[in-house]
């Protein structure tokens, strides 16, 4: 998921209704929260996702790789911290 600015992301996060369970993206978007809530035995990432991103609301905006793009910057959350590996050009 991507946002044009930090303000746009903050606005989306603040206005997100966790009870509805959907973000602004398409139904094909697999959020980190979808993976976290998959309690199947094959899902070894769920516990790690819950530990790295305890905020359920915030997990809805991250992709399955714990990434989000804000203001042309890709943020990736890992066990070693949050990284900004790629500045994107449009």
N, C-alpha and C. Protein backbone atom coordinates (compact mmCIF):
# COMPACT_ATOMS: atom_id res chain seq x y z
N UNK A 1 0.86 -1.16 0.00
CA UNK A 1 0.00 0.00 0.00
C UNK A 1 0.91 1.23 0.00
N UNK A 2 0.48 2.29 -0.65
CA UNK A 2 1.31 3.48 -0.70
C UNK A 2 0.47 4.73 -0.44
N UNK A 3 1.15 5.75 0.05
CA UNK A 3 0.53 7.03 0.36
C UNK A 3 1.42 8.15 -0.17
N UNK A 4 0.79 9.20 -0.66
CA UNK A 4 1.51 10.32 -1.27
C UNK A 4 2.35 11.11 -0.27
N UNK A 5 1.93 11.12 0.99
CA UNK A 5 2.64 11.90 2.00
C UNK A 5 2.42 11.30 3.38
N UNK A 6 3.22 11.76 4.33
CA UNK A 6 3.05 11.32 5.72
C UNK A 6 1.68 11.76 6.24
N UNK A 7 1.25 12.94 5.84
CA UNK A 7 -0.06 13.42 6.28
C UNK A 7 -1.19 12.54 5.74
N UNK A 8 -1.07 12.10 4.48
CA UNK A 8 -2.09 11.23 3.89
C UNK A 8 -2.14 9.90 4.63
N UNK A 9 -0.97 9.37 4.99
CA UNK A 9 -0.93 8.13 5.75
C UNK A 9 -1.54 8.31 7.13
N UNK A 10 -1.17 9.40 7.81
CA UNK A 10 -1.71 9.66 9.14
C UNK A 10 -3.23 9.81 9.10
N UNK A 11 -3.72 10.50 8.09
CA UNK A 11 -5.16 10.68 7.94
C UNK A 11 -5.85 9.33 7.73
N UNK A 12 -5.28 8.49 6.87
CA UNK A 12 -5.85 7.17 6.61
C UNK A 12 -5.83 6.31 7.88
N UNK A 13 -4.73 6.36 8.60
CA UNK A 13 -4.61 5.59 9.84
C UNK A 13 -5.61 6.07 10.89
N UNK A 14 -5.73 7.39 11.02
CA UNK A 14 -6.65 7.96 12.01
C UNK A 14 -8.12 7.67 11.68
N UNK A 15 -8.44 7.65 10.39
CA UNK A 15 -9.84 7.47 10.00
C UNK A 15 -10.22 6.01 9.76
N UNK A 16 -9.25 5.11 9.82
CA UNK A 16 -9.52 3.70 9.57
C UNK A 16 -10.42 3.13 10.67
N UNK A 17 -11.48 2.46 10.27
CA UNK A 17 -12.41 1.83 11.21
C UNK A 17 -12.06 0.35 11.29
N UNK A 18 -11.43 -0.04 12.36
CA UNK A 18 -10.95 -1.41 12.53
C UNK A 18 -12.09 -2.42 12.54
N UNK A 19 -13.29 -1.99 12.86
CA UNK A 19 -14.43 -2.92 12.91
C UNK A 19 -14.90 -3.33 11.52
N UNK A 20 -14.55 -2.54 10.50
CA UNK A 20 -14.96 -2.89 9.13
C UNK A 20 -13.99 -3.85 8.46
N UNK A 21 -12.73 -3.83 8.90
CA UNK A 21 -11.76 -4.82 8.44
C UNK A 21 -11.24 -4.68 7.04
N UNK A 22 -11.48 -3.58 6.35
CA UNK A 22 -10.95 -3.39 5.01
C UNK A 22 -10.21 -2.07 4.92
N UNK A 23 -9.17 -2.07 4.09
CA UNK A 23 -8.44 -0.84 3.82
C UNK A 23 -8.90 -0.29 2.49
N UNK A 24 -8.29 0.79 2.05
CA UNK A 24 -8.73 1.41 0.80
C UNK A 24 -8.30 0.64 -0.43
N UNK A 25 -7.44 -0.34 -0.28
CA UNK A 25 -6.94 -1.07 -1.44
C UNK A 25 -7.90 -2.17 -1.88
N UNK A 26 -7.53 -2.85 -2.94
CA UNK A 26 -8.39 -3.88 -3.49
C UNK A 26 -8.47 -5.09 -2.56
N UNK A 27 -9.43 -5.96 -2.84
CA UNK A 27 -9.61 -7.15 -2.03
C UNK A 27 -8.45 -8.12 -2.19
N UNK A 28 -7.63 -7.96 -3.22
CA UNK A 28 -6.51 -8.86 -3.43
C UNK A 28 -5.30 -8.50 -2.57
N UNK A 29 -5.34 -7.36 -1.91
CA UNK A 29 -4.24 -6.92 -1.04
C UNK A 29 -4.20 -7.82 0.19
N UNK A 30 -3.05 -8.41 0.45
CA UNK A 30 -2.87 -9.27 1.61
C UNK A 30 -2.10 -8.50 2.67
N UNK A 31 -2.81 -8.00 3.66
CA UNK A 31 -2.16 -7.20 4.70
C UNK A 31 -1.47 -8.09 5.71
N UNK A 32 -0.55 -7.50 6.46
CA UNK A 32 0.12 -8.22 7.53
C UNK A 32 -0.89 -8.71 8.55
N UNK A 33 -1.97 -7.97 8.74
CA UNK A 33 -2.98 -8.39 9.70
C UNK A 33 -3.72 -9.63 9.23
N UNK A 34 -3.93 -9.78 7.91
CA UNK A 34 -4.54 -11.01 7.39
C UNK A 34 -3.69 -12.22 7.73
N UNK A 35 -2.39 -12.09 7.58
CA UNK A 35 -1.47 -13.18 7.89
C UNK A 35 -1.45 -13.43 9.39
N UNK A 36 -1.43 -12.37 10.18
CA UNK A 36 -1.42 -12.50 11.64
C UNK A 36 -2.66 -13.26 12.12
N UNK A 37 -3.80 -13.00 11.51
CA UNK A 37 -5.05 -13.64 11.92
C UNK A 37 -5.25 -15.04 11.35
N UNK A 38 -4.32 -15.50 10.50
CA UNK A 38 -4.39 -16.85 9.95
C UNK A 38 -3.73 -17.79 10.95
N UNK A 39 -4.55 -18.53 11.68
CA UNK A 39 -4.04 -19.37 12.75
C UNK A 39 -3.71 -20.80 12.29
N UNK A 40 -3.56 -20.98 10.97
CA UNK A 40 -3.25 -22.32 10.48
C UNK A 40 -1.86 -22.74 10.93
N UNK A 41 -1.66 -24.03 10.99
CA UNK A 41 -0.38 -24.56 11.46
C UNK A 41 0.77 -24.21 10.52
N UNK A 42 0.47 -23.99 9.23
CA UNK A 42 1.52 -23.67 8.27
C UNK A 42 2.03 -22.24 8.43
N UNK A 43 1.28 -21.40 9.12
CA UNK A 43 1.63 -19.99 9.22
C UNK A 43 2.57 -19.75 10.39
N UNK A 44 3.86 -19.78 10.11
CA UNK A 44 4.86 -19.55 11.15
C UNK A 44 5.15 -18.06 11.34
N UNK A 45 4.66 -17.22 10.42
CA UNK A 45 4.93 -15.79 10.49
C UNK A 45 3.99 -15.03 11.43
N UNK A 46 2.86 -15.62 11.77
CA UNK A 46 1.84 -14.91 12.55
C UNK A 46 2.39 -14.41 13.88
N UNK A 47 3.08 -15.24 14.61
CA UNK A 47 3.61 -14.84 15.92
C UNK A 47 4.64 -13.73 15.76
N UNK A 48 5.50 -13.85 14.76
CA UNK A 48 6.53 -12.83 14.52
C UNK A 48 5.88 -11.50 14.13
N UNK A 49 4.86 -11.54 13.30
CA UNK A 49 4.17 -10.30 12.90
C UNK A 49 3.55 -9.63 14.11
N UNK A 50 2.90 -10.41 14.97
CA UNK A 50 2.30 -9.86 16.18
C UNK A 50 3.32 -9.23 17.10
N UNK A 51 4.50 -9.81 17.17
CA UNK A 51 5.57 -9.27 18.00
C UNK A 51 6.15 -7.99 17.41
N UNK A 52 6.39 -7.99 16.10
CA UNK A 52 7.01 -6.83 15.44
C UNK A 52 6.05 -5.66 15.30
N UNK A 53 4.76 -5.96 15.08
CA UNK A 53 3.76 -4.92 14.87
C UNK A 53 2.56 -5.22 15.77
N UNK A 54 2.64 -4.86 17.03
CA UNK A 54 1.54 -5.19 17.95
C UNK A 54 0.26 -4.39 17.71
N UNK A 55 0.35 -3.27 17.02
CA UNK A 55 -0.82 -2.43 16.76
C UNK A 55 -1.63 -3.00 15.60
N UNK A 56 -2.81 -3.55 15.92
CA UNK A 56 -3.66 -4.20 14.91
C UNK A 56 -4.05 -3.24 13.80
N UNK A 57 -4.36 -2.02 14.15
CA UNK A 57 -4.77 -1.02 13.16
C UNK A 57 -3.64 -0.76 12.16
N UNK A 58 -2.42 -0.61 12.65
CA UNK A 58 -1.26 -0.35 11.80
C UNK A 58 -0.96 -1.55 10.90
N UNK A 59 -1.15 -2.77 11.41
CA UNK A 59 -0.89 -3.98 10.60
C UNK A 59 -1.74 -4.02 9.34
N UNK A 60 -2.93 -3.42 9.38
CA UNK A 60 -3.81 -3.43 8.21
C UNK A 60 -3.20 -2.68 7.02
N UNK A 61 -2.31 -1.75 7.27
CA UNK A 61 -1.73 -0.94 6.21
C UNK A 61 -0.41 -1.51 5.67
N UNK A 62 0.14 -2.50 6.34
CA UNK A 62 1.37 -3.13 5.88
C UNK A 62 1.05 -4.30 4.98
N UNK A 63 1.91 -4.54 3.99
CA UNK A 63 1.69 -5.72 3.15
C UNK A 63 2.21 -6.96 3.88
N UNK A 64 2.11 -8.11 3.23
CA UNK A 64 2.51 -9.36 3.88
C UNK A 64 4.00 -9.41 4.21
N UNK A 65 4.80 -8.54 3.60
CA UNK A 65 6.23 -8.46 3.89
C UNK A 65 6.56 -7.37 4.91
N UNK A 66 5.52 -6.85 5.56
CA UNK A 66 5.65 -5.77 6.56
C UNK A 66 6.25 -4.52 5.93
N UNK A 67 5.75 -4.14 4.76
CA UNK A 67 6.23 -2.97 4.03
C UNK A 67 5.09 -2.01 3.76
N UNK A 68 5.47 -0.74 3.63
CA UNK A 68 4.53 0.31 3.24
C UNK A 68 5.32 1.40 2.54
N UNK A 69 4.70 2.07 1.57
CA UNK A 69 5.34 3.18 0.87
C UNK A 69 4.66 4.47 1.30
N UNK A 70 5.47 5.39 1.81
CA UNK A 70 4.98 6.70 2.21
C UNK A 70 5.91 7.74 1.61
N UNK A 71 5.32 8.65 0.83
CA UNK A 71 6.10 9.74 0.23
C UNK A 71 7.30 9.22 -0.56
N UNK A 72 7.09 8.25 -1.43
CA UNK A 72 8.12 7.67 -2.30
C UNK A 72 9.22 6.93 -1.55
N UNK A 73 8.99 6.56 -0.30
CA UNK A 73 9.97 5.81 0.47
C UNK A 73 9.35 4.50 0.93
N UNK A 74 10.06 3.41 0.67
CA UNK A 74 9.60 2.10 1.10
C UNK A 74 10.13 1.83 2.50
N UNK A 75 9.22 1.59 3.44
CA UNK A 75 9.59 1.25 4.81
C UNK A 75 9.37 -0.25 4.99
N UNK A 76 10.35 -0.92 5.57
CA UNK A 76 10.25 -2.36 5.83
C UNK A 76 10.55 -2.61 7.30
N UNK A 77 9.62 -3.26 7.98
CA UNK A 77 9.78 -3.59 9.39
C UNK A 77 10.37 -4.99 9.49
N UNK A 78 11.47 -5.12 10.24
CA UNK A 78 12.13 -6.41 10.44
C UNK A 78 12.43 -6.59 11.92
N UNK A 79 12.91 -7.76 12.28
CA UNK A 79 13.29 -8.01 13.67
C UNK A 79 14.47 -7.14 14.10
N UNK A 80 15.19 -6.58 13.13
CA UNK A 80 16.34 -5.73 13.42
C UNK A 80 16.00 -4.25 13.40
N UNK A 81 14.75 -3.91 13.14
CA UNK A 81 14.32 -2.51 13.12
C UNK A 81 13.55 -2.19 11.85
N UNK A 82 13.27 -0.91 11.67
CA UNK A 82 12.57 -0.45 10.48
C UNK A 82 13.59 0.14 9.51
N UNK A 83 13.54 -0.33 8.29
CA UNK A 83 14.50 0.10 7.28
C UNK A 83 13.82 0.89 6.17
N UNK A 84 14.58 1.76 5.55
CA UNK A 84 14.14 2.56 4.43
C UNK A 84 15.04 2.22 3.25
N UNK A 85 14.89 1.01 2.69
CA UNK A 85 15.87 0.55 1.72
C UNK A 85 15.84 1.21 0.36
N UNK A 86 14.68 1.70 -0.08
CA UNK A 86 14.58 2.17 -1.45
C UNK A 86 13.81 3.48 -1.52
N UNK A 87 14.41 4.49 -2.11
CA UNK A 87 13.67 5.71 -2.43
C UNK A 87 13.16 5.55 -3.85
N UNK A 88 11.88 5.56 -4.03
CA UNK A 88 11.26 5.29 -5.32
C UNK A 88 11.20 6.56 -6.18
N UNK A 89 11.23 6.37 -7.47
CA UNK A 89 11.04 7.49 -8.39
C UNK A 89 9.78 7.21 -9.19
N UNK A 90 9.01 8.21 -9.44
CA UNK A 90 7.77 8.04 -10.19
C UNK A 90 7.92 8.62 -11.56
